[in-house]
PDB file of N, CA and C in Angstrom:
ATOM      1  N   UNK A   1      26.956  -6.366 -37.074  1.00  0.00           N
ATOM      2  CA  UNK A   1      26.655  -7.750 -37.417  1.00  0.00           C
ATOM      3  C   UNK A   1      27.818  -8.352 -38.179  1.00  0.00           C
ATOM      4  N   UNK A   2      27.917  -9.631 -38.070  1.00  0.00           N
ATOM      5  CA  UNK A   2      28.966 -10.325 -38.809  1.00  0.00           C
ATOM      6  C   UNK A   2      28.553 -10.462 -40.264  1.00  0.00           C
ATOM      7  N   UNK A   3      29.440 -10.968 -41.089  1.00  0.00           N
ATOM      8  CA  UNK A   3      29.218 -11.018 -42.536  1.00  0.00           C
ATOM      9  C   UNK A   3      27.952 -11.760 -42.946  1.00  0.00           C
ATOM     10  N   UNK A   4      27.560 -12.798 -42.249  1.00  0.00           N
ATOM     11  CA  UNK A   4      26.383 -13.568 -42.678  1.00  0.00           C
ATOM     12  C   UNK A   4      25.070 -13.000 -42.134  1.00  0.00           C
ATOM     13  N   UNK A   5      25.104 -11.772 -41.604  1.00  0.00           N
ATOM     14  CA  UNK A   5      23.933 -11.056 -41.145  1.00  0.00           C
ATOM     15  C   UNK A   5      23.278 -11.668 -39.900  1.00  0.00           C
ATOM     16  N   UNK A   6      23.985 -12.519 -39.185  1.00  0.00           N
ATOM     17  CA  UNK A   6      23.478 -13.065 -37.928  1.00  0.00           C
ATOM     18  C   UNK A   6      23.932 -12.135 -36.810  1.00  0.00           C
ATOM     19  N   UNK A   7      22.997 -11.663 -35.981  1.00  0.00           N
ATOM     20  CA  UNK A   7      23.387 -10.751 -34.901  1.00  0.00           C
ATOM     21  C   UNK A   7      24.331 -11.445 -33.915  1.00  0.00           C
ATOM     22  N   UNK A   8      25.300 -10.700 -33.421  1.00  0.00           N
ATOM     23  CA  UNK A   8      26.213 -11.236 -32.419  1.00  0.00           C
ATOM     24  C   UNK A   8      25.465 -11.354 -31.088  1.00  0.00           C
ATOM     25  N   UNK A   9      26.088 -12.000 -30.144  1.00  0.00           N
ATOM     26  CA  UNK A   9      25.479 -12.155 -28.815  1.00  0.00           C
ATOM     27  C   UNK A   9      25.221 -10.783 -28.202  1.00  0.00           C
ATOM     28  N   UNK A  10      26.173  -9.889 -28.311  1.00  0.00           N
ATOM     29  CA  UNK A  10      26.015  -8.538 -27.764  1.00  0.00           C
ATOM     30  C   UNK A  10      24.856  -7.809 -28.439  1.00  0.00           C
ATOM     31  N   UNK A  11      24.753  -7.965 -29.744  1.00  0.00           N
ATOM     32  CA  UNK A  11      23.648  -7.326 -30.470  1.00  0.00           C
ATOM     33  C   UNK A  11      22.311  -7.932 -30.061  1.00  0.00           C
ATOM     34  N   UNK A  12      22.275  -9.227 -29.876  1.00  0.00           N
ATOM     35  CA  UNK A  12      21.041  -9.895 -29.445  1.00  0.00           C
ATOM     36  C   UNK A  12      20.628  -9.410 -28.053  1.00  0.00           C
ATOM     37  N   UNK A  13      21.610  -9.279 -27.151  1.00  0.00           N
ATOM     38  CA  UNK A  13      21.327  -8.785 -25.803  1.00  0.00           C
ATOM     39  C   UNK A  13      20.812  -7.349 -25.852  1.00  0.00           C
ATOM     40  N   UNK A  14      21.426  -6.528 -26.697  1.00  0.00           N
ATOM     41  CA  UNK A  14      21.002  -5.133 -26.832  1.00  0.00           C
ATOM     42  C   UNK A  14      19.575  -5.059 -27.377  1.00  0.00           C
ATOM     43  N   UNK A  15      19.260  -5.905 -28.350  1.00  0.00           N
ATOM     44  CA  UNK A  15      17.903  -5.913 -28.906  1.00  0.00           C
ATOM     45  C   UNK A  15      16.892  -6.358 -27.851  1.00  0.00           C
ATOM     46  N   UNK A  16      17.257  -7.354 -27.049  1.00  0.00           N
ATOM     47  CA  UNK A  16      16.365  -7.834 -25.996  1.00  0.00           C
ATOM     48  C   UNK A  16      16.130  -6.750 -24.945  1.00  0.00           C
ATOM     49  N   UNK A  17      17.197  -6.061 -24.557  1.00  0.00           N
ATOM     50  CA  UNK A  17      17.057  -4.960 -23.599  1.00  0.00           C
ATOM     51  C   UNK A  17      16.169  -3.866 -24.175  1.00  0.00           C
ATOM     52  N   UNK A  18      16.350  -3.592 -25.459  1.00  0.00           N
ATOM     53  CA  UNK A  18      15.520  -2.579 -26.117  1.00  0.00           C
ATOM     54  C   UNK A  18      14.054  -2.968 -26.145  1.00  0.00           C
ATOM     55  N   UNK A  19      13.773  -4.234 -26.436  1.00  0.00           N
ATOM     56  CA  UNK A  19      12.378  -4.711 -26.433  1.00  0.00           C
ATOM     57  C   UNK A  19      11.782  -4.613 -25.028  1.00  0.00           C
ATOM     58  N   UNK A  20      12.593  -4.994 -24.024  1.00  0.00           N
ATOM     59  CA  UNK A  20      12.118  -4.939 -22.636  1.00  0.00           C
ATOM     60  C   UNK A  20      11.820  -3.498 -22.239  1.00  0.00           C
ATOM     61  N   UNK A  21      12.735  -2.570 -22.561  1.00  0.00           N
ATOM     62  CA  UNK A  21      12.497  -1.163 -22.245  1.00  0.00           C
ATOM     63  C   UNK A  21      11.259  -0.642 -22.973  1.00  0.00           C
ATOM     64  N   UNK A  22      11.115  -1.016 -24.224  1.00  0.00           N
ATOM     65  CA  UNK A  22       9.934  -0.593 -24.979  1.00  0.00           C
ATOM     66  C   UNK A  22       8.650  -1.085 -24.343  1.00  0.00           C
ATOM     67  N   UNK A  23       8.639  -2.334 -23.920  1.00  0.00           N
ATOM     68  CA  UNK A  23       7.456  -2.891 -23.252  1.00  0.00           C
ATOM     69  C   UNK A  23       7.175  -2.153 -21.951  1.00  0.00           C
ATOM     70  N   UNK A  24       8.222  -1.929 -21.151  1.00  0.00           N
ATOM     71  CA  UNK A  24       8.031  -1.270 -19.857  1.00  0.00           C
ATOM     72  C   UNK A  24       7.530   0.163 -20.018  1.00  0.00           C
ATOM     73  N   UNK A  25       8.092   0.874 -20.992  1.00  0.00           N
ATOM     74  CA  UNK A  25       7.632   2.247 -21.228  1.00  0.00           C
ATOM     75  C   UNK A  25       6.201   2.237 -21.743  1.00  0.00           C
ATOM     76  N   UNK A  26       5.892   1.319 -22.642  1.00  0.00           N
ATOM     77  CA  UNK A  26       4.527   1.239 -23.182  1.00  0.00           C
ATOM     78  C   UNK A  26       3.513   0.913 -22.094  1.00  0.00           C
ATOM     79  N   UNK A  27       3.922   0.192 -21.044  1.00  0.00           N
ATOM     80  CA  UNK A  27       2.992  -0.211 -19.995  1.00  0.00           C
ATOM     81  C   UNK A  27       2.793   0.862 -18.931  1.00  0.00           C
ATOM     82  N   UNK A  28       3.571   1.945 -18.999  1.00  0.00           N
ATOM     83  CA  UNK A  28       3.424   3.004 -17.998  1.00  0.00           C
ATOM     84  C   UNK A  28       2.061   3.668 -18.098  1.00  0.00           C
ATOM     85  N   UNK A  29       1.553   4.080 -16.958  1.00  0.00           N
ATOM     86  CA  UNK A  29       0.276   4.788 -16.912  1.00  0.00           C
ATOM     87  C   UNK A  29       0.553   6.293 -17.041  1.00  0.00           C
ATOM     88  N   UNK A  30       0.956   6.700 -18.254  1.00  0.00           N
ATOM     89  CA  UNK A  30       1.292   8.092 -18.540  1.00  0.00           C
ATOM     90  C   UNK A  30       0.688   8.480 -19.891  1.00  0.00           C
ATOM     91  N   UNK A  31       0.728   9.784 -20.173  1.00  0.00           N
ATOM     92  CA  UNK A  31       0.180  10.253 -21.445  1.00  0.00           C
ATOM     93  C   UNK A  31       1.083   9.820 -22.602  1.00  0.00           C
ATOM     94  N   UNK A  32       0.529   9.864 -23.788  1.00  0.00           N
ATOM     95  CA  UNK A  32       1.310   9.492 -24.980  1.00  0.00           C
ATOM     96  C   UNK A  32       2.480  10.450 -25.179  1.00  0.00           C
ATOM     97  N   UNK A  33       2.289  11.712 -24.840  1.00  0.00           N
ATOM     98  CA  UNK A  33       3.364  12.704 -24.980  1.00  0.00           C
ATOM     99  C   UNK A  33       4.527  12.357 -24.033  1.00  0.00           C
ATOM    100  N   UNK A  34       4.206  11.979 -22.802  1.00  0.00           N
ATOM    101  CA  UNK A  34       5.244  11.598 -21.841  1.00  0.00           C
ATOM    102  C   UNK A  34       5.945  10.313 -22.286  1.00  0.00           C
ATOM    103  N   UNK A  35       5.167   9.391 -22.801  1.00  0.00           N
ATOM    104  CA  UNK A  35       5.725   8.127 -23.300  1.00  0.00           C
ATOM    105  C   UNK A  35       6.710   8.396 -24.443  1.00  0.00           C
ATOM    106  N   UNK A  36       6.321   9.264 -25.353  1.00  0.00           N
ATOM    107  CA  UNK A  36       7.182   9.597 -26.482  1.00  0.00           C
ATOM    108  C   UNK A  36       8.467  10.274 -26.003  1.00  0.00           C
ATOM    109  N   UNK A  37       8.362  11.081 -24.939  1.00  0.00           N
ATOM    110  CA  UNK A  37       9.553  11.734 -24.387  1.00  0.00           C
ATOM    111  C   UNK A  37      10.538  10.682 -23.878  1.00  0.00           C
ATOM    112  N   UNK A  38      10.035   9.629 -23.248  1.00  0.00           N
ATOM    113  CA  UNK A  38      10.902   8.531 -22.830  1.00  0.00           C
ATOM    114  C   UNK A  38      11.624   7.934 -24.029  1.00  0.00           C
ATOM    115  N   UNK A  39      10.845   7.606 -25.055  1.00  0.00           N
ATOM    116  CA  UNK A  39      11.443   6.993 -26.244  1.00  0.00           C
ATOM    117  C   UNK A  39      12.472   7.913 -26.905  1.00  0.00           C
ATOM    118  N   UNK A  40      12.202   9.218 -26.879  1.00  0.00           N
ATOM    119  CA  UNK A  40      13.135  10.173 -27.481  1.00  0.00           C
ATOM    120  C   UNK A  40      14.446  10.272 -26.699  1.00  0.00           C
ATOM    121  N   UNK A  41      14.386  10.061 -25.381  1.00  0.00           N
ATOM    122  CA  UNK A  41      15.586  10.147 -24.547  1.00  0.00           C
ATOM    123  C   UNK A  41      16.479   8.910 -24.646  1.00  0.00           C
ATOM    124  N   UNK A  42      15.919   7.778 -24.946  1.00  0.00           N
ATOM    125  CA  UNK A  42      16.678   6.528 -24.933  1.00  0.00           C
ATOM    126  C   UNK A  42      17.966   6.568 -25.754  1.00  0.00           C
ATOM    127  N   UNK A  43      17.946   7.090 -26.971  1.00  0.00           N
ATOM    128  CA  UNK A  43      19.197   7.092 -27.755  1.00  0.00           C
ATOM    129  C   UNK A  43      20.301   7.957 -27.146  1.00  0.00           C
ATOM    130  N   UNK A  44      19.937   8.884 -26.281  1.00  0.00           N
ATOM    131  CA  UNK A  44      20.920   9.786 -25.665  1.00  0.00           C
ATOM    132  C   UNK A  44      21.540   9.182 -24.407  1.00  0.00           C
ATOM    133  N   UNK A  45      21.005   8.068 -23.935  1.00  0.00           N
ATOM    134  CA  UNK A  45      21.458   7.486 -22.669  1.00  0.00           C
ATOM    135  C   UNK A  45      22.571   6.467 -22.898  1.00  0.00           C
ATOM    136  N   UNK A  46      23.479   6.383 -21.917  1.00  0.00           N
ATOM    137  CA  UNK A  46      24.538   5.377 -21.996  1.00  0.00           C
ATOM    138  C   UNK A  46      24.021   4.057 -21.394  1.00  0.00           C
ATOM    139  N   UNK A  47      24.832   3.017 -21.474  1.00  0.00           N
ATOM    140  CA  UNK A  47      24.403   1.684 -21.042  1.00  0.00           C
ATOM    141  C   UNK A  47      24.031   1.658 -19.558  1.00  0.00           C
ATOM    142  N   UNK A  48      24.807   2.320 -18.727  1.00  0.00           N
ATOM    143  CA  UNK A  48      24.519   2.340 -17.289  1.00  0.00           C
ATOM    144  C   UNK A  48      23.186   3.034 -17.013  1.00  0.00           C
ATOM    145  N   UNK A  49      22.951   4.145 -17.672  1.00  0.00           N
ATOM    146  CA  UNK A  49      21.690   4.869 -17.501  1.00  0.00           C
ATOM    147  C   UNK A  49      20.511   4.019 -17.971  1.00  0.00           C
ATOM    148  N   UNK A  50      20.698   3.330 -19.085  1.00  0.00           N
ATOM    149  CA  UNK A  50      19.636   2.464 -19.592  1.00  0.00           C
ATOM    150  C   UNK A  50      19.326   1.326 -18.613  1.00  0.00           C
ATOM    151  N   UNK A  51      20.372   0.758 -18.019  1.00  0.00           N
ATOM    152  CA  UNK A  51      20.166  -0.307 -17.032  1.00  0.00           C
ATOM    153  C   UNK A  51      19.421   0.207 -15.808  1.00  0.00           C
ATOM    154  N   UNK A  52      19.802   1.387 -15.328  1.00  0.00           N
ATOM    155  CA  UNK A  52      19.126   1.979 -14.167  1.00  0.00           C
ATOM    156  C   UNK A  52      17.664   2.274 -14.486  1.00  0.00           C
ATOM    157  N   UNK A  53      17.423   2.810 -15.668  1.00  0.00           N
ATOM    158  CA  UNK A  53      16.054   3.092 -16.086  1.00  0.00           C
ATOM    159  C   UNK A  53      15.256   1.797 -16.167  1.00  0.00           C
ATOM    160  N   UNK A  54      15.847   0.772 -16.712  1.00  0.00           N
ATOM    161  CA  UNK A  54      15.177  -0.520 -16.842  1.00  0.00           C
ATOM    162  C   UNK A  54      14.789  -1.070 -15.473  1.00  0.00           C
ATOM    163  N   UNK A  55      15.705  -1.000 -14.518  1.00  0.00           N
ATOM    164  CA  UNK A  55      15.417  -1.482 -13.155  1.00  0.00           C
ATOM    165  C   UNK A  55      14.273  -0.687 -12.533  1.00  0.00           C
ATOM    166  N   UNK A  56      14.315   0.627 -12.672  1.00  0.00           N
ATOM    167  CA  UNK A  56      13.259   1.475 -12.111  1.00  0.00           C
ATOM    168  C   UNK A  56      11.911   1.171 -12.757  1.00  0.00           C
ATOM    169  N   UNK A  57      11.903   1.008 -14.072  1.00  0.00           N
ATOM    170  CA  UNK A  57      10.650   0.720 -14.769  1.00  0.00           C
ATOM    171  C   UNK A  57      10.125  -0.671 -14.422  1.00  0.00           C
ATOM    172  N   UNK A  58      11.026  -1.637 -14.218  1.00  0.00           N
ATOM    173  CA  UNK A  58      10.588  -2.979 -13.818  1.00  0.00           C
ATOM    174  C   UNK A  58       9.939  -2.942 -12.442  1.00  0.00           C
ATOM    175  N   UNK A  59      10.516  -2.183 -11.521  1.00  0.00           N
ATOM    176  CA  UNK A  59       9.924  -2.039 -10.184  1.00  0.00           C
ATOM    177  C   UNK A  59       8.533  -1.409 -10.292  1.00  0.00           C
ATOM    178  N   UNK A  60       8.434  -0.355 -11.090  1.00  0.00           N
ATOM    179  CA  UNK A  60       7.146   0.304 -11.286  1.00  0.00           C
ATOM    180  C   UNK A  60       6.124  -0.665 -11.880  1.00  0.00           C
ATOM    181  N   UNK A  61       6.553  -1.426 -12.870  1.00  0.00           N
ATOM    182  CA  UNK A  61       5.659  -2.394 -13.519  1.00  0.00           C
ATOM    183  C   UNK A  61       5.165  -3.428 -12.506  1.00  0.00           C
ATOM    184  N   UNK A  62       6.072  -3.955 -11.698  1.00  0.00           N
ATOM    185  CA  UNK A  62       5.677  -4.953 -10.699  1.00  0.00           C
ATOM    186  C   UNK A  62       4.753  -4.357  -9.646  1.00  0.00           C
ATOM    187  N   UNK A  63       5.014  -3.111  -9.247  1.00  0.00           N
ATOM    188  CA  UNK A  63       4.125  -2.454  -8.287  1.00  0.00           C
ATOM    189  C   UNK A  63       2.719  -2.308  -8.859  1.00  0.00           C
ATOM    190  N   UNK A  64       2.638  -1.914 -10.124  1.00  0.00           N
ATOM    191  CA  UNK A  64       1.331  -1.780 -10.767  1.00  0.00           C
ATOM    192  C   UNK A  64       0.650  -3.135 -10.902  1.00  0.00           C
ATOM    193  N   UNK A  65       1.427  -4.144 -11.267  1.00  0.00           N
ATOM    194  CA  UNK A  65       0.863  -5.474 -11.517  1.00  0.00           C
ATOM    195  C   UNK A  65       0.355  -6.133 -10.242  1.00  0.00           C
ATOM    196  N   UNK A  66       0.961  -5.806  -9.106  1.00  0.00           N
ATOM    197  CA  UNK A  66       0.570  -6.470  -7.856  1.00  0.00           C
ATOM    198  C   UNK A  66      -0.279  -5.588  -6.949  1.00  0.00           C
ATOM    199  N   UNK A  67      -0.628  -4.412  -7.399  1.00  0.00           N
ATOM    200  CA  UNK A  67      -1.376  -3.473  -6.554  1.00  0.00           C
ATOM    201  C   UNK A  67      -2.678  -4.081  -6.032  1.00  0.00           C
ATOM    202  N   UNK A  68      -3.459  -4.711  -6.876  1.00  0.00           N
ATOM    203  CA  UNK A  68      -4.735  -5.287  -6.441  1.00  0.00           C
ATOM    204  C   UNK A  68      -4.508  -6.388  -5.405  1.00  0.00           C
ATOM    205  N   UNK A  69      -3.516  -7.226  -5.633  1.00  0.00           N
ATOM    206  CA  UNK A  69      -3.210  -8.294  -4.668  1.00  0.00           C
ATOM    207  C   UNK A  69      -2.723  -7.709  -3.349  1.00  0.00           C
ATOM    208  N   UNK A  70      -1.924  -6.661  -3.422  1.00  0.00           N
ATOM    209  CA  UNK A  70      -1.444  -6.013  -2.202  1.00  0.00           C
ATOM    210  C   UNK A  70      -2.615  -5.443  -1.401  1.00  0.00           C
ATOM    211  N   UNK A  71      -3.575  -4.844  -2.091  1.00  0.00           N
ATOM    212  CA  UNK A  71      -4.742  -4.277  -1.412  1.00  0.00           C
ATOM    213  C   UNK A  71      -5.588  -5.375  -0.773  1.00  0.00           C
ATOM    214  N   UNK A  72      -5.773  -6.506  -1.474  1.00  0.00           N
ATOM    215  CA  UNK A  72      -6.507  -7.634  -0.893  1.00  0.00           C
ATOM    216  C   UNK A  72      -5.792  -8.151   0.345  1.00  0.00           C
ATOM    217  N   UNK A  73      -4.480  -8.270   0.255  1.00  0.00           N
ATOM    218  CA  UNK A  73      -3.688  -8.759   1.384  1.00  0.00           C
ATOM    219  C   UNK A  73      -3.834  -7.825   2.581  1.00  0.00           C
ATOM    220  N   UNK A  74      -3.726  -6.516   2.344  1.00  0.00           N
ATOM    221  CA  UNK A  74      -3.844  -5.543   3.430  1.00  0.00           C
ATOM    222  C   UNK A  74      -5.231  -5.618   4.070  1.00  0.00           C
ATOM    223  N   UNK A  75      -6.270  -5.762   3.250  1.00  0.00           N
ATOM    224  CA  UNK A  75      -7.626  -5.892   3.789  1.00  0.00           C
ATOM    225  C   UNK A  75      -7.747  -7.163   4.625  1.00  0.00           C
ATOM    226  N   UNK A  76      -7.143  -8.239   4.170  1.00  0.00           N
ATOM    227  CA  UNK A  76      -7.161  -9.493   4.925  1.00  0.00           C
ATOM    228  C   UNK A  76      -6.452  -9.373   6.258  1.00  0.00           C
ATOM    229  N   UNK A  77      -5.326  -8.669   6.252  1.00  0.00           N
ATOM    230  CA  UNK A  77      -4.584  -8.462   7.505  1.00  0.00           C
ATOM    231  C   UNK A  77      -5.421  -7.641   8.475  1.00  0.00           C
ATOM    232  N   UNK A  78      -6.062  -6.588   7.983  1.00  0.00           N
ATOM    233  CA  UNK A  78      -6.901  -5.758   8.856  1.00  0.00           C
ATOM    234  C   UNK A  78      -8.080  -6.559   9.407  1.00  0.00           C
ATOM    235  N   UNK A  79      -8.676  -7.396   8.575  1.00  0.00           N
ATOM    236  CA  UNK A  79      -9.791  -8.227   9.037  1.00  0.00           C
ATOM    237  C   UNK A  79      -9.323  -9.208  10.100  1.00  0.00           C
ATOM    238  N   UNK A  80      -8.179  -9.831   9.873  1.00  0.00           N
ATOM    239  CA  UNK A  80      -7.633 -10.778  10.851  1.00  0.00           C
ATOM    240  C   UNK A  80      -7.300 -10.071  12.159  1.00  0.00           C
ATOM    241  N   UNK A  81      -6.769  -8.868  12.057  1.00  0.00           N
ATOM    242  CA  UNK A  81      -6.450  -8.104  13.253  1.00  0.00           C
ATOM    243  C   UNK A  81      -7.722  -7.789  14.039  1.00  0.00           C
ATOM    244  N   UNK A  82      -8.777  -7.409  13.326  1.00  0.00           N
ATOM    245  CA  UNK A  82     -10.059  -7.132  13.987  1.00  0.00           C
ATOM    246  C   UNK A  82     -10.611  -8.366  14.678  1.00  0.00           C
ATOM    247  N   UNK A  83     -10.526  -9.519  14.012  1.00  0.00           N
ATOM    248  CA  UNK A  83     -10.981 -10.760  14.621  1.00  0.00           C
ATOM    249  C   UNK A  83     -10.151 -11.100  15.854  1.00  0.00           C
ATOM    250  N   UNK A  84      -8.849 -10.920  15.759  1.00  0.00           N
ATOM    251  CA  UNK A  84      -7.959 -11.201  16.884  1.00  0.00           C
ATOM    252  C   UNK A  84      -8.316 -10.313  18.075  1.00  0.00           C
ATOM    253  N   UNK A  85      -8.473  -9.024  17.820  1.00  0.00           N
ATOM    254  CA  UNK A  85      -8.802  -8.101  18.902  1.00  0.00           C
ATOM    255  C   UNK A  85     -10.145  -8.454  19.531  1.00  0.00           C
ATOM    256  N   UNK A  86     -11.103  -8.856  18.707  1.00  0.00           N
ATOM    257  CA  UNK A  86     -12.400  -9.287  19.241  1.00  0.00           C
ATOM    258  C   UNK A  86     -12.255 -10.528  20.097  1.00  0.00           C
ATOM    259  N   UNK A  87     -11.437 -11.467  19.659  1.00  0.00           N
ATOM    260  CA  UNK A  87     -11.210 -12.693  20.427  1.00  0.00           C
ATOM    261  C   UNK A  87     -10.525 -12.398  21.750  1.00  0.00           C
ATOM    262  N   UNK A  88      -9.567 -11.481  21.732  1.00  0.00           N
ATOM    263  CA  UNK A  88      -8.863 -11.114  22.962  1.00  0.00           C
ATOM    264  C   UNK A  88      -9.831 -10.471  23.948  1.00  0.00           C
ATOM    265  N   UNK A  89     -10.687  -9.594  23.475  1.00  0.00           N
ATOM    266  CA  UNK A  89     -11.675  -8.943  24.354  1.00  0.00           C
ATOM    267  C   UNK A  89     -12.627  -9.974  24.942  1.00  0.00           C
ATOM    268  N   UNK A  90     -13.078 -10.905  24.099  1.00  0.00           N
ATOM    269  CA  UNK A  90     -13.987 -11.952  24.572  1.00  0.00           C
ATOM    270  C   UNK A  90     -13.297 -12.838  25.606  1.00  0.00           C
ATOM    271  N   UNK A  91     -12.038 -13.187  25.361  1.00  0.00           N
ATOM    272  CA  UNK A  91     -11.290 -14.014  26.306  1.00  0.00           C
ATOM    273  C   UNK A  91     -11.089 -13.275  27.634  1.00  0.00           C
ATOM    274  N   UNK A  92     -10.813 -11.983  27.569  1.00  0.00           N
ATOM    275  CA  UNK A  92     -10.633 -11.187  28.790  1.00  0.00           C
ATOM    276  C   UNK A  92     -11.938 -11.120  29.577  1.00  0.00           C
ATOM    277  N   UNK A  93     -13.032 -10.949  28.873  1.00  0.00           N
ATOM    278  CA  UNK A  93     -14.344 -10.888  29.531  1.00  0.00           C
ATOM    279  C   UNK A  93     -14.655 -12.217  30.205  1.00  0.00           C
ATOM    280  N   UNK A  94     -14.409 -13.316  29.513  1.00  0.00           N
ATOM    281  CA  UNK A  94     -14.652 -14.644  30.076  1.00  0.00           C
ATOM    282  C   UNK A  94     -13.759 -14.871  31.298  1.00  0.00           C
ATOM    283  N   UNK A  95     -12.507 -14.474  31.207  1.00  0.00           N
ATOM    284  CA  UNK A  95     -11.580 -14.633  32.331  1.00  0.00           C
ATOM    285  C   UNK A  95     -12.048 -13.831  33.541  1.00  0.00           C
ATOM    286  N   UNK A  96     -12.502 -12.603  33.322  1.00  0.00           N
ATOM    287  CA  UNK A  96     -13.009 -11.773  34.422  1.00  0.00           C
ATOM    288  C   UNK A  96     -14.219 -12.430  35.082  1.00  0.00           C
ATOM    289  N   UNK A  97     -15.115 -12.977  34.275  1.00  0.00           N
ATOM    290  CA  UNK A  97     -16.296 -13.649  34.825  1.00  0.00           C
ATOM    291  C   UNK A  97     -15.896 -14.851  35.667  1.00  0.00           C
ATOM    292  N   UNK A  98     -14.942 -15.631  35.177  1.00  0.00           N
ATOM    293  CA  UNK A  98     -14.470 -16.810  35.913  1.00  0.00           C
ATOM    294  C   UNK A  98     -13.809 -16.399  37.223  1.00  0.00           C
ATOM    295  N   UNK A  99     -13.012 -15.319  37.184  1.00  0.00           N
ATOM    296  CA  UNK A  99     -12.360 -14.842  38.394  1.00  0.00           C
ATOM    297  C   UNK A  99     -13.406 -14.400  39.418  1.00  0.00           C
ATOM    298  N   UNK A 100     -14.449 -13.710  38.971  1.00  0.00           N
ATOM    299  CA  UNK A 100     -15.524 -13.271  39.880  1.00  0.00           C
ATOM    300  C   UNK A 100     -16.212 -14.488  40.502  1.00  0.00           C
ATOM    301  N   UNK A 101     -16.463 -15.520  39.687  1.00  0.00           N
ATOM    302  CA  UNK A 101     -17.094 -16.748  40.220  1.00  0.00           C
ATOM    303  C   UNK A 101     -16.206 -17.368  41.291  1.00  0.00           C
ATOM    304  N   UNK A 102     -14.918 -17.441  41.046  1.00  0.00           N
ATOM    305  CA  UNK A 102     -13.996 -18.023  42.015  1.00  0.00           C
ATOM    306  C   UNK A 102     -13.962 -17.175  43.282  1.00  0.00           C
ATOM    307  N   UNK A 103     -13.915 -15.857  43.146  1.00  0.00           N
ATOM    308  CA  UNK A 103     -13.906 -14.970  44.308  1.00  0.00           C
ATOM    309  C   UNK A 103     -15.172 -15.131  45.130  1.00  0.00           C
ATOM    310  N   UNK A 104     -16.321 -15.256  44.438  1.00  0.00           N
ATOM    311  CA  UNK A 104     -17.593 -15.436  45.146  1.00  0.00           C
ATOM    312  C   UNK A 104     -17.608 -16.754  45.909  1.00  0.00           C
ATOM    313  N   UNK A 105     -17.080 -17.802  45.303  1.00  0.00           N
ATOM    314  CA  UNK A 105     -17.018 -19.105  45.985  1.00  0.00           C
ATOM    315  C   UNK A 105     -16.115 -19.051  47.202  1.00  0.00           C
ATOM    316  N   UNK A 106     -14.998 -18.345  47.049  1.00  0.00           N
ATOM    317  CA  UNK A 106     -14.066 -18.244  48.165  1.00  0.00           C
ATOM    318  C   UNK A 106     -14.636 -17.394  49.294  1.00  0.00           C
ATOM    319  N   UNK A 107     -15.484 -16.448  48.958  1.00  0.00           N
ATOM    320  CA  UNK A 107     -16.069 -15.565  49.968  1.00  0.00           C
ATOM    321  C   UNK A 107     -17.172 -16.269  50.768  1.00  0.00           C
ATOM    322  N   UNK A 108     -17.708 -17.354  50.295  1.00  0.00           N
ATOM    323  CA  UNK A 108     -18.785 -18.070  50.983  1.00  0.00           C
ATOM    324  C   UNK A 108     -18.330 -18.728  52.238  1.00  0.00           C
TER     325      UNK A 108
END
């Protein structure tokens, strides 16, 4: 820190990254012992490792946060597919009936 105790830009960025990592680790669905192991490893990691860990944890967090929506979406897609397949079968059946009617008329 500079003489007037105001954090520098680099220090502010480091503190923000630390808060973000702390939040991401705290949000993991793991035991307290595993969580503490993460926190214990952080001081041993270099900046590149911390950035990679942050990216991985952010992806994990987003996957967890959107899991329910993803499942709803997948169910909706399956339902739409079922409706589509039913419509195609119905259309094919109707077409076959119409073709038979035309063939019968032509045979008269």
